Amino acid sequence: MASVFGTLPDGRDVLRLGLRGNGLRIHVLTLGAIVQDLRMEGVDHPLVLSAPQLAPYIGPMAYFGAMVGRFANRIGGAGFSLEGRHYSLARNCHAQNCLHGGPEGSAHQIWDIRAHENDKLRLGLSMPDGQSGFPGKLDVELEISICGLGLQFEITATTDRATPCSFAQHSFYCLDNTGSIAHHQLRIAANAYLPVNDVLIPTGEIRAVTTTEFDFRAFRSLKDVAIDHNFCLSDQRIPLRPVAWLKSEISGLSLELATTEPGLQVYTGHKLPRDGVIGPDGAMLPRYAGIALEPQVWPDAPNHTHFPTSILHPGETYHQITQIRLHHAGS
C-alpha cells in the first residue's frame, strides 16, 4: 500500500508506504526512510512523534523518525583526518559542526523502493563521493520489517573509498497519550557515557555513570530529565542484544530496544517546542513530548582514536541491526 504524502519543492513526490502485521501498523516515507507513524492494535494513540503533512519534514522535523547518516550525530569542527588527508564537511550545526551527515545526509534524500510486501520494506540509497564533504561513494540498503510484536531495522552499506559510516534510526517515542514522557521510566545497559562541551561535542573523556545523573542501570523516572548524550554500550559492534527499556506508568506499554551498535544517543526532547515542530493534530509539540533512542557509533568518532571505529573500507560491509520490541502490561 503506497500513496503520495506530499511533493517536494523540486517536484518530486514523497510516497507513504504501509506495513501491517502482528497487531502493528507502520507508515514509512520515502523521504529519509522516515517512520511517519507507528500504531499498536488496541492502543488509541501513536507511539512515535509525527506530523500529518510533509512541510515539517523538510524543515525542523527533518530528523523525526528518519534514518540519519552517513554519519549519525555530530562531527566536531565539521572535519576529520583519514589516511593522511583532512576532509572538511558541511557545517549545519552551531555553524561549526556537522550533524547527521550534513544538509545532504540520508534524512534529506528520497530513498528508492526495492521491495514492498505487507510486513517488509526494502529501500536503497546511493550517496555520491564528496556529498557534504564525505569521501567515497556509499551504497546503502535498509530493510524495515515487522518482527514479532516490533520492528526490525537492518542496514548495510559498502563504499569505494574509506569513509565514516554510522547510521541511526531517529524516532521519538511516547508510550502514552499525555503528550509528555514525564510518566515514563528508562533503563539503559551502560556503565559509561560521553561528557560533551557547550555545543554537544564529546570532550574525549569516557566517564563512568556511577554517582551521576546518567546512571540508568536501574529504571528511573524521566520527569524533568534533560539529556542529549551518548551512552557507551560497548567498544565495538557486537551481536544483537537488548540495551534499553522504556515504559509508561500511565498506559502500561513498554519498549525494549536491541541493537548491534556500540552507542546509544538519548535525547529527551527538552529543547522543544520549536517553530514548525507539530504533532498529528497540528499543534506545536511541548517540551519532553517524546524521547529519541538512537543506536549508533559514538559521536565524533572520526576524531577520537580511542572511540569505536566508524571507518568503513572498500571490500567491507557495514551491517547494523536494531529492533524495537513492544509489549503491553499483561501480554
C-alpha atoms as a PDB file:
ATOM      1  CA  MET A   1       0.000   0.000   0.000  1.00  0.00           C
ATOM      2  CA  ALA A   2       1.538   3.299  -1.139  1.00  0.00           C
ATOM      3  CA  SER A   3       0.208   6.818  -1.537  1.00  0.00           C
ATOM      4  CA  VAL A   4       1.607  10.282  -2.244  1.00  0.00           C
ATOM      5  CA  PHE A   5       2.247  12.033   1.078  1.00  0.00           C
ATOM      6  CA  GLY A   6       3.386  15.304  -0.471  1.00  0.00           C
ATOM      7  CA  THR A   7       5.542  16.916  -3.138  1.00  0.00           C
ATOM      8  CA  LEU A   8       8.970  18.484  -2.650  1.00  0.00           C
ATOM      9  CA  PRO A   9       9.696  21.988  -3.991  1.00  0.00           C
ATOM     10  CA  ASP A  10      11.629  20.390  -6.892  1.00  0.00           C
ATOM     11  CA  GLY A  11       8.508  18.465  -7.952  1.00  0.00           C
ATOM     12  CA  ARG A  12       9.434  15.010  -6.666  1.00  0.00           C
ATOM     13  CA  ASP A  13       6.732  13.074  -4.872  1.00  0.00           C
ATOM     14  CA  VAL A  14       7.262  11.663  -1.389  1.00  0.00           C
ATOM     15  CA  LEU A  15       5.460   8.346  -1.010  1.00  0.00           C
ATOM     16  CA  ARG A  16       3.926   6.947   2.172  1.00  0.00           C
ATOM     17  CA  LEU A  17       4.307   3.170   2.408  1.00  0.00           C
ATOM     18  CA  GLY A  18       2.299   0.992   4.768  1.00  0.00           C
ATOM     19  CA  LEU A  19       3.303  -2.145   6.663  1.00  0.00           C
ATOM     20  CA  ARG A  20       0.987  -4.274   8.750  1.00  0.00           C
ATOM     21  CA  GLY A  21       1.248  -7.446  10.823  1.00  0.00           C
ATOM     22  CA  ASN A  22       1.153  -8.962  14.316  1.00  0.00           C
ATOM     23  CA  GLY A  23      -1.066  -6.161  15.600  1.00  0.00           C
ATOM     24  CA  LEU A  24       1.188  -3.374  14.332  1.00  0.00           C
ATOM     25  CA  ARG A  25       0.608  -0.755  11.641  1.00  0.00           C
ATOM     26  CA  ILE A  26       3.522   1.339  10.375  1.00  0.00           C
ATOM     27  CA  HIS A  27       3.861   4.034   7.737  1.00  0.00           C
ATOM     28  CA  VAL A  28       7.247   4.915   6.232  1.00  0.00           C
ATOM     29  CA  LEU A  29       8.079   7.841   3.934  1.00  0.00           C
ATOM     30  CA  THR A  30      10.470   7.537   1.006  1.00  0.00           C
ATOM     31  CA  LEU A  31      11.941  10.852   2.213  1.00  0.00           C
ATOM     32  CA  GLY A  32      14.611   9.969   4.766  1.00  0.00           C
ATOM     33  CA  ALA A  33      13.119   6.478   5.280  1.00  0.00           C
ATOM     34  CA  ILE A  34      11.066   8.268   7.959  1.00  0.00           C
ATOM     35  CA  VAL A  35       8.846   6.166  10.237  1.00  0.00           C
ATOM     36  CA  GLN A  36       5.946   8.602   9.999  1.00  0.00           C
ATOM     37  CA  ASP A  37       3.502   6.619  12.122  1.00  0.00           C
ATOM     38  CA  LEU A  38       3.573   3.579  14.412  1.00  0.00           C
ATOM     39  CA  ARG A  39       0.392   2.091  15.876  1.00  0.00           C
ATOM     40  CA  MET A  40      -0.366  -0.923  18.039  1.00  0.00           C
ATOM     41  CA  GLU A  41      -3.686  -2.788  17.987  1.00  0.00           C
ATOM     42  CA  GLY A  42      -5.832  -1.859  20.985  1.00  0.00           C
ATOM     43  CA  VAL A  43      -3.916   1.386  21.620  1.00  0.00           C
ATOM     44  CA  ASP A  44      -5.690   4.574  20.551  1.00  0.00           C
ATOM     45  CA  HIS A  45      -2.651   6.824  20.166  1.00  0.00           C
ATOM     46  CA  PRO A  46       0.515   6.812  18.017  1.00  0.00           C
ATOM     47  CA  LEU A  47       3.741   5.570  19.611  1.00  0.00           C
ATOM     48  CA  VAL A  48       6.083   7.933  17.751  1.00  0.00           C
ATOM     49  CA  LEU A  49       6.021  11.688  17.302  1.00  0.00           C
ATOM     50  CA  SER A  50       4.849  12.522  13.805  1.00  0.00           C
ATOM     51  CA  ALA A  51       3.415  15.286  11.635  1.00  0.00           C
ATOM     52  CA  PRO A  52       0.335  14.925   9.404  1.00  0.00           C
ATOM     53  CA  GLN A  53       1.888  16.677   6.401  1.00  0.00           C
ATOM     54  CA  LEU A  54       5.171  16.921   4.513  1.00  0.00           C
ATOM     55  CA  ALA A  55       6.181  20.535   5.259  1.00  0.00           C
ATOM     56  CA  PRO A  56       7.624  19.915   8.770  1.00  0.00           C
ATOM     57  CA  TYR A  57       9.734  17.008   7.445  1.00  0.00           C
ATOM     58  CA  ILE A  58      11.547  19.306   5.020  1.00  0.00           C
ATOM     59  CA  GLY A  59      12.025  21.800   7.839  1.00  0.00           C
ATOM     60  CA  PRO A  60      12.516  21.497  11.602  1.00  0.00           C
ATOM     61  CA  MET A  61      11.291  17.863  11.795  1.00  0.00           C
ATOM     62  CA  ALA A  62      13.765  16.556   9.200  1.00  0.00           C
ATOM     63  CA  TYR A  63      15.203  14.000  11.645  1.00  0.00           C
ATOM     64  CA  PHE A  64      11.967  12.884  13.330  1.00  0.00           C
ATOM     65  CA  GLY A  65      11.701   9.170  12.535  1.00  0.00           C
ATOM     66  CA  ALA A  66      14.418   9.295   9.852  1.00  0.00           C
ATOM     67  CA  MET A  67      17.351   7.002   9.161  1.00  0.00           C
ATOM     68  CA  VAL A  68      20.164   9.518   9.656  1.00  0.00           C
ATOM     69  CA  GLY A  69      23.672   9.224   8.167  1.00  0.00           C
ATOM     70  CA  ARG A  70      26.140   8.727   6.564  1.00  0.00           C
ATOM     71  CA  PHE A  71      27.456   9.650   9.982  1.00  0.00           C
ATOM     72  CA  ALA A  72      24.793   9.909  12.666  1.00  0.00           C
ATOM     73  CA  ASN A  73      25.195  12.596  15.331  1.00  0.00           C
ATOM     74  CA  ARG A  74      27.932  15.244  15.381  1.00  0.00           C
ATOM     75  CA  ILE A  75      31.435  15.603  13.985  1.00  0.00           C
ATOM     76  CA  GLY A  76      33.226  18.397  15.816  1.00  0.00           C
ATOM     77  CA  GLY A  77      34.706  21.221  13.759  1.00  0.00           C
ATOM     78  CA  ALA A  78      32.986  19.740  10.710  1.00  0.00           C
ATOM     79  CA  GLY A  79      36.118  17.865   9.752  1.00  0.00           C
ATOM     80  CA  PHE A  80      38.361  14.856  10.312  1.00  0.00           C
ATOM     81  CA  SER A  81      41.596  13.354   9.035  1.00  0.00           C
ATOM     82  CA  LEU A  82      41.765   9.950   7.370  1.00  0.00           C
ATOM     83  CA  GLU A  83      44.665   8.163   5.708  1.00  0.00           C
ATOM     84  CA  GLY A  84      46.823  11.288   5.725  1.00  0.00           C
ATOM     85  CA  ARG A  85      44.209  13.652   4.306  1.00  0.00           C
ATOM     86  CA  HIS A  86      41.948  16.182   6.020  1.00  0.00           C
ATOM     87  CA  TYR A  87      38.299  16.372   4.988  1.00  0.00           C
ATOM     88  CA  SER A  88      36.180  19.478   5.561  1.00  0.00           C
ATOM     89  CA  LEU A  89      32.463  18.809   5.940  1.00  0.00           C
ATOM     90  CA  ALA A  90      29.322  20.884   5.613  1.00  0.00           C
ATOM     91  CA  ARG A  91      28.580  22.921   8.757  1.00  0.00           C
ATOM     92  CA  ASN A  92      24.932  22.501   9.691  1.00  0.00           C
ATOM     93  CA  CYS A  93      25.107  22.559  13.491  1.00  0.00           C
ATOM     94  CA  HIS A  94      26.007  25.662  15.545  1.00  0.00           C
ATOM     95  CA  ALA A  95      27.740  26.963  12.378  1.00  0.00           C
ATOM     96  CA  GLN A  96      30.799  24.875  13.294  1.00  0.00           C
ATOM     97  CA  ASN A  97      29.905  21.171  13.366  1.00  0.00           C
ATOM     98  CA  CYS A  98      28.471  18.571  11.009  1.00  0.00           C
ATOM     99  CA  LEU A  99      25.234  16.905  12.170  1.00  0.00           C
ATOM    100  CA  HIS A 100      23.719  13.663  10.815  1.00  0.00           C
ATOM    101  CA  GLY A 101      25.774  13.667   7.622  1.00  0.00           C
ATOM    102  CA  GLY A 102      25.212  17.318   6.795  1.00  0.00           C
ATOM    103  CA  PRO A 103      22.476  19.019   4.773  1.00  0.00           C
ATOM    104  CA  GLU A 104      22.696  16.283   2.126  1.00  0.00           C
ATOM    105  CA  GLY A 105      22.588  13.416   4.612  1.00  0.00           C
ATOM    106  CA  SER A 106      20.324  10.392   4.242  1.00  0.00           C
ATOM    107  CA  ALA A 107      17.464  12.044   6.169  1.00  0.00           C
ATOM    108  CA  HIS A 108      17.150  14.600   3.347  1.00  0.00           C
ATOM    109  CA  GLN A 109      17.212  12.113   0.458  1.00  0.00           C
ATOM    110  CA  ILE A 110      14.494  10.234  -1.410  1.00  0.00           C
ATOM    111  CA  TRP A 111      15.194   6.526  -0.969  1.00  0.00           C
ATOM    112  CA  ASP A 112      14.492   4.061  -3.788  1.00  0.00           C
ATOM    113  CA  ILE A 113      11.846   1.381  -3.215  1.00  0.00           C
ATOM    114  CA  ARG A 114      13.453  -2.012  -3.907  1.00  0.00           C
ATOM    115  CA  ALA A 115      10.767  -4.290  -2.435  1.00  0.00           C
ATOM    116  CA  HIS A 116       7.473  -3.724  -0.618  1.00  0.00           C
ATOM    117  CA  GLU A 117       5.470  -6.510   0.993  1.00  0.00           C
ATOM    118  CA  ASN A 118       2.716  -6.449   3.624  1.00  0.00           C
ATOM    119  CA  ASP A 119       5.162  -6.717   6.533  1.00  0.00           C
ATOM    120  CA  LYS A 120       8.503  -5.832   4.960  1.00  0.00           C
ATOM    121  CA  LEU A 121      10.024  -2.930   3.054  1.00  0.00           C
ATOM    122  CA  ARG A 122      13.436  -2.644   1.420  1.00  0.00           C
ATOM    123  CA  LEU A 123      14.806   0.789   0.482  1.00  0.00           C
ATOM    124  CA  GLY A 124      18.073   1.809  -1.170  1.00  0.00           C
ATOM    125  CA  LEU A 125      20.194   4.939  -1.444  1.00  0.00           C
ATOM    126  CA  SER A 126      23.367   5.841  -3.327  1.00  0.00           C
ATOM    127  CA  MET A 127      25.358   8.629  -1.651  1.00  0.00           C
ATOM    128  CA  PRO A 128      27.961  10.109  -4.035  1.00  0.00           C
ATOM    129  CA  ASP A 129      31.613  10.783  -3.333  1.00  0.00           C
ATOM    130  CA  GLY A 130      32.019  14.295  -1.904  1.00  0.00           C
ATOM    131  CA  GLN A 131      28.436  14.638  -0.653  1.00  0.00           C
ATOM    132  CA  SER A 132      28.542  17.137   2.239  1.00  0.00           C
ATOM    133  CA  GLY A 133      32.335  16.699   2.062  1.00  0.00           C
ATOM    134  CA  PHE A 134      32.486  12.968   2.852  1.00  0.00           C
ATOM    135  CA  PRO A 135      34.792  10.756   0.763  1.00  0.00           C
ATOM    136  CA  GLY A 136      33.618   7.711  -1.145  1.00  0.00           C
ATOM    137  CA  LYS A 137      30.503   6.587  -2.953  1.00  0.00           C
ATOM    138  CA  LEU A 138      28.341   4.871  -0.334  1.00  0.00           C
ATOM    139  CA  ASP A 139      25.696   2.365  -1.419  1.00  0.00           C
ATOM    140  CA  VAL A 140      23.123   1.793   1.319  1.00  0.00           C
ATOM    141  CA  GLU A 141      20.267  -0.667   1.722  1.00  0.00           C
ATOM    142  CA  LEU A 142      17.700  -0.612   4.514  1.00  0.00           C
ATOM    143  CA  GLU A 143      15.156  -3.308   5.310  1.00  0.00           C
ATOM    144  CA  ILE A 144      12.325  -2.459   7.696  1.00  0.00           C
ATOM    145  CA  SER A 145      10.268  -5.441   8.782  1.00  0.00           C
ATOM    146  CA  ILE A 146       7.717  -6.434  11.373  1.00  0.00           C
ATOM    147  CA  CYS A 147       9.494  -8.877  13.643  1.00  0.00           C
ATOM    148  CA  GLY A 148       7.236 -10.380  16.290  1.00  0.00           C
ATOM    149  CA  LEU A 149       5.498  -7.548  18.120  1.00  0.00           C
ATOM    150  CA  GLY A 150       8.016  -4.995  16.979  1.00  0.00           C
ATOM    151  CA  LEU A 151      10.102  -3.544  14.186  1.00  0.00           C
ATOM    152  CA  GLN A 152      13.494  -4.524  12.833  1.00  0.00           C
ATOM    153  CA  PHE A 153      15.796  -2.127  11.007  1.00  0.00           C
ATOM    154  CA  GLU A 154      18.625  -3.844   9.131  1.00  0.00           C
ATOM    155  CA  ILE A 155      21.003  -1.582   7.260  1.00  0.00           C
ATOM    156  CA  THR A 156      24.024  -2.450   5.136  1.00  0.00           C
ATOM    157  CA  ALA A 157      26.450  -0.240   3.241  1.00  0.00           C
ATOM    158  CA  THR A 158      29.526  -0.554   1.034  1.00  0.00           C
ATOM    159  CA  THR A 159      31.988   2.060  -0.174  1.00  0.00           C
ATOM    160  CA  ASP A 160      34.641   2.549  -2.836  1.00  0.00           C
ATOM    161  CA  ARG A 161      36.844   4.705  -0.541  1.00  0.00           C
ATOM    162  CA  ALA A 162      37.482   4.710   3.190  1.00  0.00           C
ATOM    163  CA  THR A 163      34.786   6.820   4.833  1.00  0.00           C
ATOM    164  CA  PRO A 164      32.992   7.311   8.156  1.00  0.00           C
ATOM    165  CA  CYS A 165      29.784   5.272   8.208  1.00  0.00           C
ATOM    166  CA  SER A 166      27.289   5.194  11.057  1.00  0.00           C
ATOM    167  CA  PHE A 167      23.513   5.269  10.668  1.00  0.00           C
ATOM    168  CA  ALA A 168      20.852   5.723  13.357  1.00  0.00           C
ATOM    169  CA  GLN A 169      17.088   5.310  13.419  1.00  0.00           C
ATOM    170  CA  HIS A 170      15.826   8.575  14.909  1.00  0.00           C
ATOM    171  CA  SER A 171      12.233   8.066  16.073  1.00  0.00           C
ATOM    172  CA  PHE A 172      10.923   9.901  19.126  1.00  0.00           C
ATOM    173  CA  TYR A 173       8.813   7.589  21.326  1.00  0.00           C
ATOM    174  CA  CYS A 174       5.942   8.403  23.651  1.00  0.00           C
ATOM    175  CA  LEU A 175       4.102   5.360  25.002  1.00  0.00           C
ATOM    176  CA  ASP A 176       1.017   7.108  26.417  1.00  0.00           C
ATOM    177  CA  ASN A 177      -1.351   9.873  25.327  1.00  0.00           C
ATOM    178  CA  THR A 178      -0.324  12.514  27.881  1.00  0.00           C
ATOM    179  CA  GLY A 179       1.841  14.439  25.398  1.00  0.00           C
ATOM    180  CA  SER A 180       4.875  14.017  27.649  1.00  0.00           C
ATOM    181  CA  ILE A 181       7.423  11.417  28.763  1.00  0.00           C
ATOM    182  CA  ALA A 182       7.068  12.628  32.369  1.00  0.00           C
ATOM    183  CA  HIS A 183       5.328   9.387  33.350  1.00  0.00           C
ATOM    184  CA  HIS A 184       7.896   7.182  31.608  1.00  0.00           C
ATOM    185  CA  GLN A 185      10.788   5.265  33.126  1.00  0.00           C
ATOM    186  CA  LEU A 186      14.032   4.342  31.344  1.00  0.00           C
ATOM    187  CA  ARG A 187      16.730   1.736  31.857  1.00  0.00           C
ATOM    188  CA  ILE A 188      19.996   1.559  29.865  1.00  0.00           C
ATOM    189  CA  ALA A 189      22.640  -1.186  29.958  1.00  0.00           C
ATOM    190  CA  ALA A 190      25.572   1.252  30.012  1.00  0.00           C
ATOM    191  CA  ASN A 191      28.299   1.741  32.602  1.00  0.00           C
ATOM    192  CA  ALA A 192      29.690   4.896  30.971  1.00  0.00           C
ATOM    193  CA  TYR A 193      28.676   7.940  28.948  1.00  0.00           C
ATOM    194  CA  LEU A 194      30.402  10.723  26.988  1.00  0.00           C
ATOM    195  CA  PRO A 195      30.618  14.199  28.562  1.00  0.00           C
ATOM    196  CA  VAL A 196      30.211  16.985  25.986  1.00  0.00           C
ATOM    197  CA  ASN A 197      31.088  20.648  25.557  1.00  0.00           C
ATOM    198  CA  ASP A 198      28.624  23.502  25.177  1.00  0.00           C
ATOM    199  CA  VAL A 199      27.833  22.542  21.553  1.00  0.00           C
ATOM    200  CA  LEU A 200      27.391  18.843  22.404  1.00  0.00           C
ATOM    201  CA  ILE A 201      30.720  17.602  21.028  1.00  0.00           C
ATOM    202  CA  PRO A 202      32.331  14.848  23.148  1.00  0.00           C
ATOM    203  CA  THR A 203      35.316  16.046  25.147  1.00  0.00           C
ATOM    204  CA  GLY A 204      37.071  12.713  24.620  1.00  0.00           C
ATOM    205  CA  GLU A 205      36.544  11.558  28.198  1.00  0.00           C
ATOM    206  CA  ILE A 206      34.693   8.296  28.809  1.00  0.00           C
ATOM    207  CA  ARG A 207      33.110   8.763  32.232  1.00  0.00           C
ATOM    208  CA  ALA A 208      31.530   6.146  34.496  1.00  0.00           C
ATOM    209  CA  VAL A 209      27.832   6.719  35.154  1.00  0.00           C
ATOM    210  CA  THR A 210      28.216   5.859  38.856  1.00  0.00           C
ATOM    211  CA  THR A 211      27.012   8.706  41.127  1.00  0.00           C
ATOM    212  CA  THR A 212      25.976  10.812  38.105  1.00  0.00           C
ATOM    213  CA  GLU A 213      22.618  11.827  36.630  1.00  0.00           C
ATOM    214  CA  PHE A 214      23.427   9.455  33.744  1.00  0.00           C
ATOM    215  CA  ASP A 215      23.106   6.264  35.780  1.00  0.00           C
ATOM    216  CA  PHE A 216      20.136   4.465  34.230  1.00  0.00           C
ATOM    217  CA  ARG A 217      21.284   0.932  35.022  1.00  0.00           C
ATOM    218  CA  ALA A 218      18.039   0.562  37.001  1.00  0.00           C
ATOM    219  CA  PHE A 219      14.711   2.045  35.910  1.00  0.00           C
ATOM    220  CA  ARG A 220      14.467   5.780  36.613  1.00  0.00           C
ATOM    221  CA  SER A 221      11.739   8.337  36.055  1.00  0.00           C
ATOM    222  CA  LEU A 222      12.200  10.706  33.101  1.00  0.00           C
ATOM    223  CA  LYS A 223      10.307  13.543  34.748  1.00  0.00           C
ATOM    224  CA  ASP A 224      12.349  16.732  34.190  1.00  0.00           C
ATOM    225  CA  VAL A 225      15.353  14.744  32.897  1.00  0.00           C
ATOM    226  CA  ALA A 226      17.201  16.838  30.274  1.00  0.00           C
ATOM    227  CA  ILE A 227      19.883  14.851  28.452  1.00  0.00           C
ATOM    228  CA  ASP A 228      21.259  14.670  24.905  1.00  0.00           C
ATOM    229  CA  HIS A 229      24.223  12.351  25.363  1.00  0.00           C
ATOM    230  CA  ASN A 230      25.780   9.130  24.132  1.00  0.00           C
ATOM    231  CA  PHE A 231      25.716   6.095  26.408  1.00  0.00           C
ATOM    232  CA  CYS A 232      28.649   3.720  25.886  1.00  0.00           C
ATOM    233  CA  LEU A 233      27.262   0.215  25.365  1.00  0.00           C
ATOM    234  CA  SER A 234      30.439  -1.478  24.110  1.00  0.00           C
ATOM    235  CA  ASP A 235      33.749  -0.684  22.418  1.00  0.00           C
ATOM    236  CA  GLN A 236      32.775  -2.196  19.079  1.00  0.00           C
ATOM    237  CA  ARG A 237      29.806  -3.504  17.083  1.00  0.00           C
ATOM    238  CA  ILE A 238      28.734  -6.838  18.600  1.00  0.00           C
ATOM    239  CA  PRO A 239      25.879  -9.347  18.093  1.00  0.00           C
ATOM    240  CA  LEU A 240      22.326  -8.145  18.680  1.00  0.00           C
ATOM    241  CA  ARG A 241      21.455  -7.718  22.373  1.00  0.00           C
ATOM    242  CA  PRO A 242      18.902  -5.695  24.415  1.00  0.00           C
ATOM    243  CA  VAL A 243      20.354  -2.372  25.586  1.00  0.00           C
ATOM    244  CA  ALA A 244      17.462  -0.103  26.656  1.00  0.00           C
ATOM    245  CA  TRP A 245      13.984  -0.402  28.145  1.00  0.00           C
ATOM    246  CA  LEU A 246      11.262   2.266  28.257  1.00  0.00           C
ATOM    247  CA  LYS A 247       7.873   2.004  29.980  1.00  0.00           C
ATOM    248  CA  SER A 248       4.886   4.226  30.708  1.00  0.00           C
ATOM    249  CA  GLU A 249       3.226   4.148  34.112  1.00  0.00           C
ATOM    250  CA  ILE A 250       0.041   5.510  32.516  1.00  0.00           C
ATOM    251  CA  SER A 251      -0.544   3.155  29.565  1.00  0.00           C
ATOM    252  CA  GLY A 252       1.245   0.019  30.728  1.00  0.00           C
ATOM    253  CA  LEU A 253       3.090  -0.061  27.407  1.00  0.00           C
ATOM    254  CA  SER A 254       6.784  -0.867  27.327  1.00  0.00           C
ATOM    255  CA  LEU A 255       9.501  -0.877  24.692  1.00  0.00           C
ATOM    256  CA  GLU A 256      12.703  -2.896  24.530  1.00  0.00           C
ATOM    257  CA  LEU A 257      15.457  -1.748  22.188  1.00  0.00           C
ATOM    258  CA  ALA A 258      18.034  -4.256  20.957  1.00  0.00           C
ATOM    259  CA  THR A 259      20.942  -3.351  18.702  1.00  0.00           C
ATOM    260  CA  THR A 260      24.344  -4.365  17.420  1.00  0.00           C
ATOM    261  CA  GLU A 261      25.702  -0.837  17.884  1.00  0.00           C
ATOM    262  CA  PRO A 262      28.288   0.337  20.471  1.00  0.00           C
ATOM    263  CA  GLY A 263      26.490   3.563  21.405  1.00  0.00           C
ATOM    264  CA  LEU A 264      23.042   4.894  22.210  1.00  0.00           C
ATOM    265  CA  GLN A 265      22.311   8.610  21.914  1.00  0.00           C
ATOM    266  CA  VAL A 266      19.440   9.572  24.230  1.00  0.00           C
ATOM    267  CA  TYR A 267      17.619  12.883  23.743  1.00  0.00           C
ATOM    268  CA  THR A 268      14.674  13.669  25.999  1.00  0.00           C
ATOM    269  CA  GLY A 269      13.077  16.374  23.849  1.00  0.00           C
ATOM    270  CA  HIS A 270      13.742  19.087  26.396  1.00  0.00           C
ATOM    271  CA  LYS A 271      14.668  21.606  23.669  1.00  0.00           C
ATOM    272  CA  LEU A 272      11.139  21.584  22.291  1.00  0.00           C
ATOM    273  CA  PRO A 273       8.960  23.432  21.457  1.00  0.00           C
ATOM    274  CA  ARG A 274      10.367  24.787  18.190  1.00  0.00           C
ATOM    275  CA  ASP A 275       8.522  26.619  15.463  1.00  0.00           C
ATOM    276  CA  GLY A 276       7.179  24.171  12.911  1.00  0.00           C
ATOM    277  CA  VAL A 277       7.560  21.082  15.115  1.00  0.00           C
ATOM    278  CA  ILE A 278       3.997  19.802  15.314  1.00  0.00           C
ATOM    279  CA  GLY A 279       2.143  16.662  16.310  1.00  0.00           C
ATOM    280  CA  PRO A 280      -0.517  14.621  14.478  1.00  0.00           C
ATOM    281  CA  ASP A 281      -3.194  17.171  15.406  1.00  0.00           C
ATOM    282  CA  GLY A 282      -1.138  20.060  14.007  1.00  0.00           C
ATOM    283  CA  ALA A 283      -0.458  21.585  17.442  1.00  0.00           C
ATOM    284  CA  MET A 284       3.078  22.537  18.494  1.00  0.00           C
ATOM    285  CA  LEU A 285       4.846  19.775  20.415  1.00  0.00           C
ATOM    286  CA  PRO A 286       5.717  20.730  24.015  1.00  0.00           C
ATOM    287  CA  ARG A 287       8.899  20.098  25.978  1.00  0.00           C
ATOM    288  CA  TYR A 288       9.503  16.421  26.723  1.00  0.00           C
ATOM    289  CA  ALA A 289       6.932  15.348  24.098  1.00  0.00           C
ATOM    290  CA  GLY A 290       8.999  12.266  23.237  1.00  0.00           C
ATOM    291  CA  ILE A 291      12.354  10.566  23.717  1.00  0.00           C
ATOM    292  CA  ALA A 292      14.799   9.664  20.951  1.00  0.00           C
ATOM    293  CA  LEU A 293      16.776   6.444  21.435  1.00  0.00           C
ATOM    294  CA  GLU A 294      19.383   6.369  18.650  1.00  0.00           C
ATOM    295  CA  PRO A 295      21.686   3.324  18.299  1.00  0.00           C
ATOM    296  CA  GLN A 296      24.925   4.317  16.541  1.00  0.00           C
ATOM    297  CA  VAL A 297      28.700   4.522  16.677  1.00  0.00           C
ATOM    298  CA  TRP A 298      29.836   7.073  19.258  1.00  0.00           C
ATOM    299  CA  PRO A 299      29.555  10.735  18.138  1.00  0.00           C
ATOM    300  CA  ASP A 300      32.692  12.432  16.757  1.00  0.00           C
ATOM    301  CA  ALA A 301      34.352   9.010  16.498  1.00  0.00           C
ATOM    302  CA  PRO A 302      36.458  10.020  13.445  1.00  0.00           C
ATOM    303  CA  ASN A 303      38.294  12.487  15.700  1.00  0.00           C
ATOM    304  CA  HIS A 304      38.929  10.131  18.650  1.00  0.00           C
ATOM    305  CA  THR A 305      41.147   7.108  18.062  1.00  0.00           C
ATOM    306  CA  HIS A 306      40.094   5.544  21.401  1.00  0.00           C
ATOM    307  CA  PHE A 307      36.396   5.531  20.409  1.00  0.00           C
ATOM    308  CA  PRO A 308      34.897   2.584  18.480  1.00  0.00           C
ATOM    309  CA  THR A 309      35.880   2.956  14.837  1.00  0.00           C
ATOM    310  CA  SER A 310      33.370   4.326  12.368  1.00  0.00           C
ATOM    311  CA  ILE A 311      35.541   3.910   9.276  1.00  0.00           C
ATOM    312  CA  LEU A 312      34.243   1.657   6.507  1.00  0.00           C
ATOM    313  CA  HIS A 313      36.810   0.459   3.958  1.00  0.00           C
ATOM    314  CA  PRO A 314      36.394  -0.858   0.419  1.00  0.00           C
ATOM    315  CA  GLY A 315      35.723  -4.594   0.490  1.00  0.00           C
ATOM    316  CA  GLU A 316      33.951  -4.354   3.881  1.00  0.00           C
ATOM    317  CA  THR A 317      30.214  -4.274   4.572  1.00  0.00           C
ATOM    318  CA  TYR A 318      28.689  -2.064   7.246  1.00  0.00           C
ATOM    319  CA  HIS A 319      25.908  -4.074   8.916  1.00  0.00           C
ATOM    320  CA  GLN A 320      23.625  -2.819  11.662  1.00  0.00           C
ATOM    321  CA  ILE A 321      20.544  -4.471  13.133  1.00  0.00           C
ATOM    322  CA  THR A 322      18.242  -2.638  15.533  1.00  0.00           C
ATOM    323  CA  GLN A 323      14.967  -3.979  16.891  1.00  0.00           C
ATOM    324  CA  ILE A 324      12.150  -2.177  18.700  1.00  0.00           C
ATOM    325  CA  ARG A 325      10.039  -4.678  20.679  1.00  0.00           C
ATOM    326  CA  LEU A 326       6.686  -3.514  22.085  1.00  0.00           C
ATOM    327  CA  HIS A 327       4.778  -5.031  24.991  1.00  0.00           C
ATOM    328  CA  HIS A 328       1.579  -4.286  26.858  1.00  0.00           C
ATOM    329  CA  ALA A 329       1.166  -5.000  30.577  1.00  0.00           C
ATOM    330  CA  GLY A 330      -0.253  -8.472  30.960  1.00  0.00           C
ATOM    331  CA  SER A 331       0.735  -9.586  27.450  1.00  0.00           C
END
